[in-house]
PDB file of N, CA and C in Angstrom:
ATOM      1  N   UNK A   1     -29.725  -7.934  39.450  1.00  0.00           N
ATOM      2  CA  UNK A   1     -28.488  -8.253  38.233  1.00  0.00           C
ATOM      3  C   UNK A   1     -28.797  -8.533  36.840  1.00  0.00           C
ATOM      4  N   UNK A   2     -28.654  -7.642  35.931  1.00  0.00           N
ATOM      5  CA  UNK A   2     -28.972  -8.160  34.550  1.00  0.00           C
ATOM      6  C   UNK A   2     -28.008  -9.021  33.680  1.00  0.00           C
ATOM      7  N   UNK A   3     -28.320 -10.298  33.479  1.00  0.00           N
ATOM      8  CA  UNK A   3     -27.628 -11.135  32.869  1.00  0.00           C
ATOM      9  C   UNK A   3     -27.956 -11.497  31.527  1.00  0.00           C
ATOM     10  N   UNK A   4     -27.330 -11.001  30.517  1.00  0.00           N
ATOM     11  CA  UNK A   4     -27.400 -11.302  29.012  1.00  0.00           C
ATOM     12  C   UNK A   4     -26.592 -12.692  29.070  1.00  0.00           C
ATOM     13  N   UNK A   5     -27.415 -13.787  28.260  1.00  0.00           N
ATOM     14  CA  UNK A   5     -26.779 -14.996  27.860  1.00  0.00           C
ATOM     15  C   UNK A   5     -26.699 -15.323  26.587  1.00  0.00           C
ATOM     16  N   UNK A   6     -25.369 -15.870  26.164  1.00  0.00           N
ATOM     17  CA  UNK A   6     -25.322 -16.319  24.869  1.00  0.00           C
ATOM     18  C   UNK A   6     -24.701 -17.812  25.004  1.00  0.00           C
ATOM     19  N   UNK A   7     -25.459 -18.852  24.041  1.00  0.00           N
ATOM     20  CA  UNK A   7     -25.528 -20.119  24.052  1.00  0.00           C
ATOM     21  C   UNK A   7     -26.454 -20.604  23.134  1.00  0.00           C
ATOM     22  N   UNK A   8     -25.848 -22.090  22.737  1.00  0.00           N
ATOM     23  CA  UNK A   8     -26.890 -22.772  21.774  1.00  0.00           C
ATOM     24  C   UNK A   8     -27.166 -23.984  22.213  1.00  0.00           C
ATOM     25  N   UNK A   9     -25.910 -25.076  22.489  1.00  0.00           N
ATOM     26  CA  UNK A   9     -26.384 -26.560  22.627  1.00  0.00           C
ATOM     27  C   UNK A   9     -26.886 -26.618  24.166  1.00  0.00           C
ATOM     28  N   UNK A  10     -27.149 -28.113  24.098  1.00  0.00           N
ATOM     29  CA  UNK A  10     -27.572 -28.570  25.419  1.00  0.00           C
ATOM     30  C   UNK A  10     -26.593 -27.949  26.759  1.00  0.00           C
ATOM     31  N   UNK A  11     -25.219 -28.220  26.474  1.00  0.00           N
ATOM     32  CA  UNK A  11     -24.459 -27.686  27.631  1.00  0.00           C
ATOM     33  C   UNK A  11     -25.050 -26.173  28.219  1.00  0.00           C
ATOM     34  N   UNK A  12     -25.206 -25.320  27.145  1.00  0.00           N
ATOM     35  CA  UNK A  12     -25.404 -24.018  27.359  1.00  0.00           C
ATOM     36  C   UNK A  12     -26.601 -23.820  28.047  1.00  0.00           C
ATOM     37  N   UNK A  13     -27.952 -24.714  27.733  1.00  0.00           N
ATOM     38  CA  UNK A  13     -28.956 -24.898  28.346  1.00  0.00           C
ATOM     39  C   UNK A  13     -28.822 -25.037  29.784  1.00  0.00           C
ATOM     40  N   UNK A  14     -28.161 -26.017  30.285  1.00  0.00           N
ATOM     41  CA  UNK A  14     -27.916 -26.211  31.510  1.00  0.00           C
ATOM     42  C   UNK A  14     -27.471 -25.163  32.118  1.00  0.00           C
ATOM     43  N   UNK A  15     -26.475 -24.269  31.586  1.00  0.00           N
ATOM     44  CA  UNK A  15     -26.056 -23.043  32.316  1.00  0.00           C
ATOM     45  C   UNK A  15     -27.200 -21.812  32.658  1.00  0.00           C
ATOM     46  N   UNK A  16     -27.717 -21.878  31.441  1.00  0.00           N
ATOM     47  CA  UNK A  16     -28.938 -20.809  31.277  1.00  0.00           C
ATOM     48  C   UNK A  16     -29.982 -21.377  32.580  1.00  0.00           C
ATOM     49  N   UNK A  17     -30.519 -22.432  32.538  1.00  0.00           N
ATOM     50  CA  UNK A  17     -31.267 -22.967  33.692  1.00  0.00           C
ATOM     51  C   UNK A  17     -30.745 -22.860  35.260  1.00  0.00           C
ATOM     52  N   UNK A  18     -29.415 -22.961  35.393  1.00  0.00           N
ATOM     53  CA  UNK A  18     -28.820 -22.596  36.228  1.00  0.00           C
ATOM     54  C   UNK A  18     -28.863 -21.097  36.857  1.00  0.00           C
ATOM     55  N   UNK A  19     -28.418 -19.971  35.779  1.00  0.00           N
ATOM     56  CA  UNK A  19     -28.737 -18.782  35.904  1.00  0.00           C
ATOM     57  C   UNK A  19     -29.993 -18.386  36.616  1.00  0.00           C
ATOM     58  N   UNK A  20     -30.914 -18.931  35.952  1.00  0.00           N
ATOM     59  CA  UNK A  20     -32.483 -18.757  36.041  1.00  0.00           C
ATOM     60  C   UNK A  20     -32.980 -19.180  37.653  1.00  0.00           C
ATOM     61  N   UNK A  21     -32.552 -20.370  37.899  1.00  0.00           N
ATOM     62  CA  UNK A  21     -32.794 -20.951  39.400  1.00  0.00           C
ATOM     63  C   UNK A  21     -32.079 -20.108  40.226  1.00  0.00           C
ATOM     64  N   UNK A  22     -30.933 -19.607  40.183  1.00  0.00           N
ATOM     65  CA  UNK A  22     -30.130 -18.587  41.135  1.00  0.00           C
ATOM     66  C   UNK A  22     -31.030 -17.540  41.353  1.00  0.00           C
ATOM     67  N   UNK A  23     -32.173 -17.051  40.470  1.00  0.00           N
ATOM     68  CA  UNK A  23     -32.667 -15.996  40.752  1.00  0.00           C
ATOM     69  C   UNK A  23     -32.212 -14.761  39.998  1.00  0.00           C
ATOM     70  N   UNK A  24     -30.950 -14.608  38.791  1.00  0.00           N
ATOM     71  CA  UNK A  24     -30.751 -13.765  38.151  1.00  0.00           C
ATOM     72  C   UNK A  24     -32.076 -13.470  37.149  1.00  0.00           C
ATOM     73  N   UNK A  25     -31.960 -12.259  36.831  1.00  0.00           N
ATOM     74  CA  UNK A  25     -32.803 -11.717  35.718  1.00  0.00           C
ATOM     75  C   UNK A  25     -31.894 -11.734  34.403  1.00  0.00           C
ATOM     76  N   UNK A  26     -32.676 -12.472  33.831  1.00  0.00           N
ATOM     77  CA  UNK A  26     -32.002 -12.591  32.246  1.00  0.00           C
ATOM     78  C   UNK A  26     -33.143 -12.118  31.030  1.00  0.00           C
ATOM     79  N   UNK A  27     -32.813 -10.699  30.853  1.00  0.00           N
ATOM     80  CA  UNK A  27     -33.923  -9.876  29.806  1.00  0.00           C
ATOM     81  C   UNK A  27     -33.554 -10.576  28.520  1.00  0.00           C
ATOM     82  N   UNK A  28     -32.310 -11.044  28.029  1.00  0.00           N
ATOM     83  CA  UNK A  28     -31.973 -11.457  26.602  1.00  0.00           C
ATOM     84  C   UNK A  28     -31.184 -12.629  26.425  1.00  0.00           C
ATOM     85  N   UNK A  29     -31.049 -13.396  25.382  1.00  0.00           N
ATOM     86  CA  UNK A  29     -30.821 -14.514  25.155  1.00  0.00           C
ATOM     87  C   UNK A  29     -30.025 -14.486  23.906  1.00  0.00           C
ATOM     88  N   UNK A  30     -28.928 -14.520  23.468  1.00  0.00           N
ATOM     89  CA  UNK A  30     -28.495 -14.880  22.029  1.00  0.00           C
ATOM     90  C   UNK A  30     -28.229 -16.073  21.548  1.00  0.00           C
ATOM     91  N   UNK A  31     -28.709 -16.620  20.770  1.00  0.00           N
ATOM     92  CA  UNK A  31     -28.444 -18.224  20.247  1.00  0.00           C
ATOM     93  C   UNK A  31     -28.313 -18.122  18.508  1.00  0.00           C
ATOM     94  N   UNK A  32     -27.732 -19.263  18.029  1.00  0.00           N
ATOM     95  CA  UNK A  32     -27.521 -19.416  16.627  1.00  0.00           C
ATOM     96  C   UNK A  32     -29.057 -19.360  16.500  1.00  0.00           C
ATOM     97  N   UNK A  33     -29.074 -19.142  14.967  1.00  0.00           N
ATOM     98  CA  UNK A  33     -30.493 -19.353  14.368  1.00  0.00           C
ATOM     99  C   UNK A  33     -30.993 -20.749  14.060  1.00  0.00           C
ATOM    100  N   UNK A  34     -32.080 -20.578  13.861  1.00  0.00           N
ATOM    101  CA  UNK A  34     -32.884 -21.965  13.936  1.00  0.00           C
ATOM    102  C   UNK A  34     -32.122 -22.992  12.848  1.00  0.00           C
ATOM    103  N   UNK A  35     -32.029 -24.217  12.801  1.00  0.00           N
ATOM    104  CA  UNK A  35     -31.207 -24.700  11.874  1.00  0.00           C
ATOM    105  C   UNK A  35     -32.136 -26.093  11.255  1.00  0.00           C
ATOM    106  N   UNK A  36     -31.879 -26.557  10.182  1.00  0.00           N
ATOM    107  CA  UNK A  36     -32.817 -27.745   9.560  1.00  0.00           C
ATOM    108  C   UNK A  36     -31.935 -29.010  10.331  1.00  0.00           C
ATOM    109  N   UNK A  37     -33.046 -29.809  10.830  1.00  0.00           N
ATOM    110  CA  UNK A  37     -32.971 -30.985  11.559  1.00  0.00           C
ATOM    111  C   UNK A  37     -33.903 -31.850  11.493  1.00  0.00           C
ATOM    112  N   UNK A  38     -33.534 -33.274  11.642  1.00  0.00           N
ATOM    113  CA  UNK A  38     -34.156 -34.484  11.441  1.00  0.00           C
ATOM    114  C   UNK A  38     -34.546 -34.872  10.189  1.00  0.00           C
ATOM    115  N   UNK A  39     -35.356 -36.098   9.928  1.00  0.00           N
ATOM    116  CA  UNK A  39     -35.803 -36.569   8.652  1.00  0.00           C
ATOM    117  C   UNK A  39     -36.517 -35.449   7.906  1.00  0.00           C
ATOM    118  N   UNK A  40     -37.274 -34.650   8.138  1.00  0.00           N
ATOM    119  CA  UNK A  40     -37.887 -34.062   7.137  1.00  0.00           C
ATOM    120  C   UNK A  40     -37.096 -32.716   7.087  1.00  0.00           C
ATOM    121  N   UNK A  41     -36.042 -32.344   7.649  1.00  0.00           N
ATOM    122  CA  UNK A  41     -35.221 -31.340   7.709  1.00  0.00           C
ATOM    123  C   UNK A  41     -35.662 -30.067   8.176  1.00  0.00           C
ATOM    124  N   UNK A  42     -36.773 -29.924   9.001  1.00  0.00           N
ATOM    125  CA  UNK A  42     -37.583 -28.897   9.479  1.00  0.00           C
ATOM    126  C   UNK A  42     -36.498 -27.862  10.257  1.00  0.00           C
ATOM    127  N   UNK A  43     -36.786 -26.592  10.406  1.00  0.00           N
ATOM    128  CA  UNK A  43     -36.289 -25.739  11.362  1.00  0.00           C
ATOM    129  C   UNK A  43     -36.516 -26.257  12.421  1.00  0.00           C
ATOM    130  N   UNK A  44     -35.324 -26.282  13.499  1.00  0.00           N
ATOM    131  CA  UNK A  44     -35.452 -26.432  14.875  1.00  0.00           C
ATOM    132  C   UNK A  44     -34.745 -25.629  15.616  1.00  0.00           C
ATOM    133  N   UNK A  45     -35.192 -25.075  16.879  1.00  0.00           N
ATOM    134  CA  UNK A  45     -34.705 -23.719  17.770  1.00  0.00           C
ATOM    135  C   UNK A  45     -33.582 -24.864  18.483  1.00  0.00           C
ATOM    136  N   UNK A  46     -32.923 -24.002  19.046  1.00  0.00           N
ATOM    137  CA  UNK A  46     -31.876 -24.728  19.862  1.00  0.00           C
ATOM    138  C   UNK A  46     -32.051 -24.928  21.003  1.00  0.00           C
ATOM    139  N   UNK A  47     -31.562 -25.799  21.919  1.00  0.00           N
ATOM    140  CA  UNK A  47     -31.997 -26.123  23.257  1.00  0.00           C
ATOM    141  C   UNK A  47     -32.042 -24.878  24.154  1.00  0.00           C
ATOM    142  N   UNK A  48     -30.938 -23.903  23.838  1.00  0.00           N
ATOM    143  CA  UNK A  48     -31.072 -22.522  24.431  1.00  0.00           C
ATOM    144  C   UNK A  48     -32.307 -21.963  24.146  1.00  0.00           C
ATOM    145  N   UNK A  49     -32.799 -21.577  23.163  1.00  0.00           N
ATOM    146  CA  UNK A  49     -33.713 -20.830  22.532  1.00  0.00           C
ATOM    147  C   UNK A  49     -35.137 -21.631  22.936  1.00  0.00           C
ATOM    148  N   UNK A  50     -35.213 -22.701  23.011  1.00  0.00           N
ATOM    149  CA  UNK A  50     -36.495 -23.298  23.438  1.00  0.00           C
ATOM    150  C   UNK A  50     -36.741 -22.970  25.348  1.00  0.00           C
ATOM    151  N   UNK A  51     -35.280 -23.042  26.039  1.00  0.00           N
ATOM    152  CA  UNK A  51     -35.744 -22.901  27.276  1.00  0.00           C
ATOM    153  C   UNK A  51     -36.047 -21.278  27.520  1.00  0.00           C
ATOM    154  N   UNK A  52     -35.508 -20.372  26.611  1.00  0.00           N
ATOM    155  CA  UNK A  52     -35.686 -19.088  27.150  1.00  0.00           C
ATOM    156  C   UNK A  52     -37.086 -18.875  26.564  1.00  0.00           C
ATOM    157  N   UNK A  53     -37.641 -19.504  25.363  1.00  0.00           N
ATOM    158  CA  UNK A  53     -39.150 -19.391  25.055  1.00  0.00           C
ATOM    159  C   UNK A  53     -39.998 -19.779  26.352  1.00  0.00           C
ATOM    160  N   UNK A  54     -39.651 -20.774  26.930  1.00  0.00           N
ATOM    161  CA  UNK A  54     -40.474 -21.467  27.819  1.00  0.00           C
ATOM    162  C   UNK A  54     -40.635 -20.304  29.122  1.00  0.00           C
ATOM    163  N   UNK A  55     -39.520 -19.507  29.115  1.00  0.00           N
ATOM    164  CA  UNK A  55     -39.646 -18.492  30.476  1.00  0.00           C
ATOM    165  C   UNK A  55     -39.840 -17.135  30.009  1.00  0.00           C
ATOM    166  N   UNK A  56     -40.141 -16.848  28.849  1.00  0.00           N
ATOM    167  CA  UNK A  56     -40.773 -15.630  28.299  1.00  0.00           C
ATOM    168  C   UNK A  56     -39.595 -14.668  28.146  1.00  0.00           C
ATOM    169  N   UNK A  57     -38.355 -15.237  27.675  1.00  0.00           N
ATOM    170  CA  UNK A  57     -37.121 -14.364  27.552  1.00  0.00           C
ATOM    171  C   UNK A  57     -37.058 -14.203  26.265  1.00  0.00           C
ATOM    172  N   UNK A  58     -36.719 -12.632  25.849  1.00  0.00           N
ATOM    173  CA  UNK A  58     -36.532 -12.218  24.457  1.00  0.00           C
ATOM    174  C   UNK A  58     -35.257 -12.992  23.843  1.00  0.00           C
ATOM    175  N   UNK A  59     -35.151 -13.321  22.504  1.00  0.00           N
ATOM    176  CA  UNK A  59     -33.944 -13.902  22.144  1.00  0.00           C
ATOM    177  C   UNK A  59     -33.934 -13.451  20.903  1.00  0.00           C
ATOM    178  N   UNK A  60     -32.248 -13.316  20.626  1.00  0.00           N
ATOM    179  CA  UNK A  60     -31.808 -12.718  19.121  1.00  0.00           C
ATOM    180  C   UNK A  60     -31.165 -13.864  18.590  1.00  0.00           C
ATOM    181  N   UNK A  61     -31.166 -14.351  17.646  1.00  0.00           N
ATOM    182  CA  UNK A  61     -30.535 -14.924  16.793  1.00  0.00           C
ATOM    183  C   UNK A  61     -29.571 -14.400  15.376  1.00  0.00           C
ATOM    184  N   UNK A  62     -28.684 -13.557  15.419  1.00  0.00           N
ATOM    185  CA  UNK A  62     -28.020 -13.240  14.652  1.00  0.00           C
ATOM    186  C   UNK A  62     -27.279 -14.130  13.651  1.00  0.00           C
ATOM    187  N   UNK A  63     -26.846 -14.004  12.550  1.00  0.00           N
ATOM    188  CA  UNK A  63     -26.551 -14.901  11.589  1.00  0.00           C
ATOM    189  C   UNK A  63     -24.809 -14.341  12.029  1.00  0.00           C
ATOM    190  N   UNK A  64     -24.525 -13.301  12.270  1.00  0.00           N
ATOM    191  CA  UNK A  64     -23.295 -12.598  12.705  1.00  0.00           C
ATOM    192  C   UNK A  64     -23.280 -11.381  13.333  1.00  0.00           C
ATOM    193  N   UNK A  65     -22.194 -11.319  14.183  1.00  0.00           N
ATOM    194  CA  UNK A  65     -22.179 -10.012  14.882  1.00  0.00           C
ATOM    195  C   UNK A  65     -21.089  -9.201  14.443  1.00  0.00           C
ATOM    196  N   UNK A  66     -20.748  -9.308  13.229  1.00  0.00           N
ATOM    197  CA  UNK A  66     -19.450  -8.292  12.796  1.00  0.00           C
ATOM    198  C   UNK A  66     -20.281  -7.373  12.082  1.00  0.00           C
ATOM    199  N   UNK A  67     -20.152  -5.887  12.615  1.00  0.00           N
ATOM    200  CA  UNK A  67     -21.014  -4.835  11.676  1.00  0.00           C
ATOM    201  C   UNK A  67     -20.708  -4.515  10.518  1.00  0.00           C
ATOM    202  N   UNK A  68     -19.250  -4.783  10.086  1.00  0.00           N
ATOM    203  CA  UNK A  68     -18.840  -4.525   8.624  1.00  0.00           C
ATOM    204  C   UNK A  68     -19.019  -6.053   7.734  1.00  0.00           C
ATOM    205  N   UNK A  69     -19.690  -7.022   8.335  1.00  0.00           N
ATOM    206  CA  UNK A  69     -19.774  -8.348   7.660  1.00  0.00           C
ATOM    207  C   UNK A  69     -20.807  -8.463   6.575  1.00  0.00           C
ATOM    208  N   UNK A  70     -20.975  -9.722   6.341  1.00  0.00           N
ATOM    209  CA  UNK A  70     -21.636 -10.028   5.302  1.00  0.00           C
ATOM    210  C   UNK A  70     -23.474  -9.897   5.618  1.00  0.00           C
ATOM    211  N   UNK A  71     -23.718 -10.105   6.900  1.00  0.00           N
ATOM    212  CA  UNK A  71     -24.986  -9.297   7.006  1.00  0.00           C
ATOM    213  C   UNK A  71     -25.175  -8.101   8.098  1.00  0.00           C
ATOM    214  N   UNK A  72     -25.138  -7.171   7.728  1.00  0.00           N
ATOM    215  CA  UNK A  72     -24.718  -5.937   8.479  1.00  0.00           C
ATOM    216  C   UNK A  72     -26.340  -5.812   9.381  1.00  0.00           C
ATOM    217  N   UNK A  73     -27.384  -6.056   8.910  1.00  0.00           N
ATOM    218  CA  UNK A  73     -28.584  -5.742   9.668  1.00  0.00           C
ATOM    219  C   UNK A  73     -28.784  -6.812  10.962  1.00  0.00           C
ATOM    220  N   UNK A  74     -28.077  -8.021  10.935  1.00  0.00           N
ATOM    221  CA  UNK A  74     -28.647  -8.875  12.099  1.00  0.00           C
ATOM    222  C   UNK A  74     -27.617  -8.293  13.284  1.00  0.00           C
ATOM    223  N   UNK A  75     -25.963  -7.966  13.038  1.00  0.00           N
ATOM    224  CA  UNK A  75     -25.262  -7.526  14.362  1.00  0.00           C
ATOM    225  C   UNK A  75     -26.073  -6.106  14.597  1.00  0.00           C
ATOM    226  N   UNK A  76     -26.391  -5.044  13.626  1.00  0.00           N
ATOM    227  CA  UNK A  76     -27.380  -3.934  14.049  1.00  0.00           C
ATOM    228  C   UNK A  76     -28.661  -4.125  14.917  1.00  0.00           C
ATOM    229  N   UNK A  77     -29.114  -5.560  14.499  1.00  0.00           N
ATOM    230  CA  UNK A  77     -30.438  -5.368  15.447  1.00  0.00           C
ATOM    231  C   UNK A  77     -30.193  -5.784  16.780  1.00  0.00           C
ATOM    232  N   UNK A  78     -28.852  -6.787  16.860  1.00  0.00           N
ATOM    233  CA  UNK A  78     -28.284  -7.545  17.970  1.00  0.00           C
ATOM    234  C   UNK A  78     -27.854  -6.349  18.950  1.00  0.00           C
ATOM    235  N   UNK A  79     -27.286  -5.616  18.410  1.00  0.00           N
ATOM    236  CA  UNK A  79     -26.757  -4.335  19.233  1.00  0.00           C
ATOM    237  C   UNK A  79     -27.763  -3.569  19.813  1.00  0.00           C
ATOM    238  N   UNK A  80     -28.891  -3.285  19.020  1.00  0.00           N
ATOM    239  CA  UNK A  80     -30.035  -2.630  19.433  1.00  0.00           C
ATOM    240  C   UNK A  80     -30.633  -3.412  20.951  1.00  0.00           C
ATOM    241  N   UNK A  81     -30.914  -4.578  20.535  1.00  0.00           N
ATOM    242  CA  UNK A  81     -31.138  -5.517  21.635  1.00  0.00           C
ATOM    243  C   UNK A  81     -30.540  -5.560  22.872  1.00  0.00           C
ATOM    244  N   UNK A  82     -29.104  -5.761  22.584  1.00  0.00           N
ATOM    245  CA  UNK A  82     -28.298  -5.702  23.861  1.00  0.00           C
ATOM    246  C   UNK A  82     -28.219  -4.308  24.683  1.00  0.00           C
ATOM    247  N   UNK A  83     -28.039  -3.352  23.941  1.00  0.00           N
ATOM    248  CA  UNK A  83     -28.232  -2.076  24.384  1.00  0.00           C
ATOM    249  C   UNK A  83     -29.548  -1.758  25.559  1.00  0.00           C
ATOM    250  N   UNK A  84     -30.674  -2.410  24.847  1.00  0.00           N
ATOM    251  CA  UNK A  84     -31.907  -2.286  25.382  1.00  0.00           C
ATOM    252  C   UNK A  84     -32.157  -3.223  26.969  1.00  0.00           C
ATOM    253  N   UNK A  85     -30.912  -4.147  26.588  1.00  0.00           N
ATOM    254  CA  UNK A  85     -31.126  -5.259  27.686  1.00  0.00           C
ATOM    255  C   UNK A  85     -30.717  -4.351  29.130  1.00  0.00           C
ATOM    256  N   UNK A  86     -29.577  -3.621  28.763  1.00  0.00           N
ATOM    257  CA  UNK A  86     -28.967  -3.136  30.172  1.00  0.00           C
ATOM    258  C   UNK A  86     -28.307  -4.193  30.724  1.00  0.00           C
ATOM    259  N   UNK A  87     -27.263  -5.013  30.184  1.00  0.00           N
ATOM    260  CA  UNK A  87     -26.939  -6.069  30.881  1.00  0.00           C
ATOM    261  C   UNK A  87     -25.593  -5.495  31.977  1.00  0.00           C
ATOM    262  N   UNK A  88     -25.642  -5.827  33.073  1.00  0.00           N
ATOM    263  CA  UNK A  88     -24.658  -5.773  33.889  1.00  0.00           C
ATOM    264  C   UNK A  88     -23.210  -6.817  33.861  1.00  0.00           C
ATOM    265  N   UNK A  89     -23.958  -7.939  33.288  1.00  0.00           N
ATOM    266  CA  UNK A  89     -22.896  -9.217  32.780  1.00  0.00           C
ATOM    267  C   UNK A  89     -23.253  -9.702  31.857  1.00  0.00           C
ATOM    268  N   UNK A  90     -22.352 -10.316  30.965  1.00  0.00           N
ATOM    269  CA  UNK A  90     -22.992 -11.313  29.737  1.00  0.00           C
ATOM    270  C   UNK A  90     -22.172 -12.776  29.945  1.00  0.00           C
ATOM    271  N   UNK A  91     -23.013 -13.819  30.129  1.00  0.00           N
ATOM    272  CA  UNK A  91     -22.495 -14.993  30.473  1.00  0.00           C
ATOM    273  C   UNK A  91     -22.441 -15.861  28.809  1.00  0.00           C
ATOM    274  N   UNK A  92     -21.299 -16.088  28.345  1.00  0.00           N
ATOM    275  CA  UNK A  92     -21.283 -16.870  27.192  1.00  0.00           C
ATOM    276  C   UNK A  92     -20.766 -18.383  27.441  1.00  0.00           C
ATOM    277  N   UNK A  93     -21.816 -19.255  26.656  1.00  0.00           N
ATOM    278  CA  UNK A  93     -21.582 -20.854  26.733  1.00  0.00           C
ATOM    279  C   UNK A  93     -21.565 -21.437  25.705  1.00  0.00           C
ATOM    280  N   UNK A  94     -20.583 -21.714  24.831  1.00  0.00           N
ATOM    281  CA  UNK A  94     -20.952 -22.529  23.572  1.00  0.00           C
ATOM    282  C   UNK A  94     -21.867 -21.758  22.651  1.00  0.00           C
ATOM    283  N   UNK A  95     -21.444 -20.837  22.257  1.00  0.00           N
ATOM    284  CA  UNK A  95     -22.442 -19.690  21.573  1.00  0.00           C
ATOM    285  C   UNK A  95     -22.410 -20.307  20.162  1.00  0.00           C
ATOM    286  N   UNK A  96     -21.185 -20.042  19.725  1.00  0.00           N
ATOM    287  CA  UNK A  96     -20.807 -20.277  18.476  1.00  0.00           C
ATOM    288  C   UNK A  96     -20.506 -19.034  17.543  1.00  0.00           C
ATOM    289  N   UNK A  97     -20.401 -18.052  17.800  1.00  0.00           N
ATOM    290  CA  UNK A  97     -19.935 -16.568  17.434  1.00  0.00           C
ATOM    291  C   UNK A  97     -18.680 -16.321  17.906  1.00  0.00           C
ATOM    292  N   UNK A  98     -17.991 -15.467  17.345  1.00  0.00           N
ATOM    293  CA  UNK A  98     -17.030 -14.776  17.833  1.00  0.00           C
ATOM    294  C   UNK A  98     -17.646 -13.205  18.266  1.00  0.00           C
ATOM    295  N   UNK A  99     -17.266 -13.045  19.528  1.00  0.00           N
ATOM    296  CA  UNK A  99     -17.638 -11.778  19.917  1.00  0.00           C
ATOM    297  C   UNK A  99     -16.691 -10.833  19.908  1.00  0.00           C
ATOM    298  N   UNK A 100     -17.230  -9.534  18.850  1.00  0.00           N
ATOM    299  CA  UNK A 100     -16.258  -8.787  18.382  1.00  0.00           C
ATOM    300  C   UNK A 100     -16.182  -7.586  19.743  1.00  0.00           C
ATOM    301  N   UNK A 101     -15.526  -6.652  19.736  1.00  0.00           N
ATOM    302  CA  UNK A 101     -14.972  -5.723  20.769  1.00  0.00           C
ATOM    303  C   UNK A 101     -16.272  -5.068  21.241  1.00  0.00           C
ATOM    304  N   UNK A 102     -16.945  -4.433  20.447  1.00  0.00           N
ATOM    305  CA  UNK A 102     -18.448  -3.717  20.931  1.00  0.00           C
ATOM    306  C   UNK A 102     -19.256  -4.390  21.606  1.00  0.00           C
ATOM    307  N   UNK A 103     -19.449  -5.895  21.509  1.00  0.00           N
ATOM    308  CA  UNK A 103     -19.937  -6.822  22.181  1.00  0.00           C
ATOM    309  C   UNK A 103     -19.749  -6.804  23.671  1.00  0.00           C
ATOM    310  N   UNK A 104     -18.235  -7.400  23.710  1.00  0.00           N
ATOM    311  CA  UNK A 104     -17.611  -7.415  24.852  1.00  0.00           C
ATOM    312  C   UNK A 104     -17.585  -5.988  25.964  1.00  0.00           C
ATOM    313  N   UNK A 105     -17.746  -4.957  25.206  1.00  0.00           N
ATOM    314  CA  UNK A 105     -17.717  -3.506  25.811  1.00  0.00           C
ATOM    315  C   UNK A 105     -18.811  -3.537  26.457  1.00  0.00           C
ATOM    316  N   UNK A 106     -19.852  -3.879  26.047  1.00  0.00           N
ATOM    317  CA  UNK A 106     -21.311  -3.356  26.475  1.00  0.00           C
ATOM    318  C   UNK A 106     -21.676  -3.487  27.857  1.00  0.00           C
ATOM    319  N   UNK A 107     -21.628  -4.960  28.310  1.00  0.00           N
ATOM    320  CA  UNK A 107     -21.715  -5.279  30.051  1.00  0.00           C
ATOM    321  C   UNK A 107     -21.036  -4.295  30.777  1.00  0.00           C
ATOM    322  N   UNK A 108     -21.696  -3.791  31.492  1.00  0.00           N
ATOM    323  CA  UNK A 108     -20.942  -2.953  32.755  1.00  0.00           C
ATOM    324  C   UNK A 108     -19.953  -3.749  33.498  1.00  0.00           C
ATOM    325  N   UNK A 109     -20.187  -5.074  33.832  1.00  0.00           N
ATOM    326  CA  UNK A 109     -19.100  -5.738  34.416  1.00  0.00           C
ATOM    327  C   UNK A 109     -18.391  -6.529  33.456  1.00  0.00           C
ATOM    328  N   UNK A 110     -18.537  -6.618  32.087  1.00  0.00           N
ATOM    329  CA  UNK A 110     -18.117  -7.559  31.184  1.00  0.00           C
ATOM    330  C   UNK A 110     -18.746  -8.951  30.834  1.00  0.00           C
ATOM    331  N   UNK A 111     -17.784  -9.779  30.212  1.00  0.00           N
ATOM    332  CA  UNK A 111     -18.672 -10.805  29.494  1.00  0.00           C
ATOM    333  C   UNK A 111     -17.479 -11.999  30.514  1.00  0.00           C
ATOM    334  N   UNK A 112     -18.413 -13.025  30.713  1.00  0.00           N
ATOM    335  CA  UNK A 112     -17.775 -14.552  31.543  1.00  0.00           C
ATOM    336  C   UNK A 112     -18.059 -15.458  30.455  1.00  0.00           C
ATOM    337  N   UNK A 113     -16.703 -16.233  30.024  1.00  0.00           N
ATOM    338  CA  UNK A 113     -16.963 -17.281  28.971  1.00  0.00           C
ATOM    339  C   UNK A 113     -16.755 -18.521  29.663  1.00  0.00           C
ATOM    340  N   UNK A 114     -17.539 -19.528  29.881  1.00  0.00           N
ATOM    341  CA  UNK A 114     -17.490 -20.397  30.767  1.00  0.00           C
ATOM    342  C   UNK A 114     -17.496 -21.814  29.921  1.00  0.00           C
ATOM    343  N   UNK A 115     -16.868 -22.823  29.897  1.00  0.00           N
ATOM    344  CA  UNK A 115     -16.813 -23.896  29.606  1.00  0.00           C
ATOM    345  C   UNK A 115     -16.648 -25.401  30.266  1.00  0.00           C
ATOM    346  N   UNK A 116     -17.269 -26.599  29.943  1.00  0.00           N
ATOM    347  CA  UNK A 116     -17.302 -27.531  30.293  1.00  0.00           C
ATOM    348  C   UNK A 116     -15.806 -28.045  31.297  1.00  0.00           C
TER     349      UNK A 116
END
């Protein structure tokens, strides 16, 4: 089963790790763009991105998923990545962006939003 994962903080990292440990195939992860952090305000990857990269999973970091929004290239690229992933289901855990209908409609079995 192909599971696309969307999440950003440590809580979401634990959920992604559990999916991987259970043997699910995760072809794509969506997470927030890298943000400045620490004393030097250097860009830092989210915990979810760090884990995805450790496992060789493709990562998309759109600033928005609104096709008619401020950053139209970001959702268009995310849409292509999601379609290529051929997800059966999408698991969302503390992602940080509102998922528009086009995202919710892509996975064959829908989207699951999990909470602590």
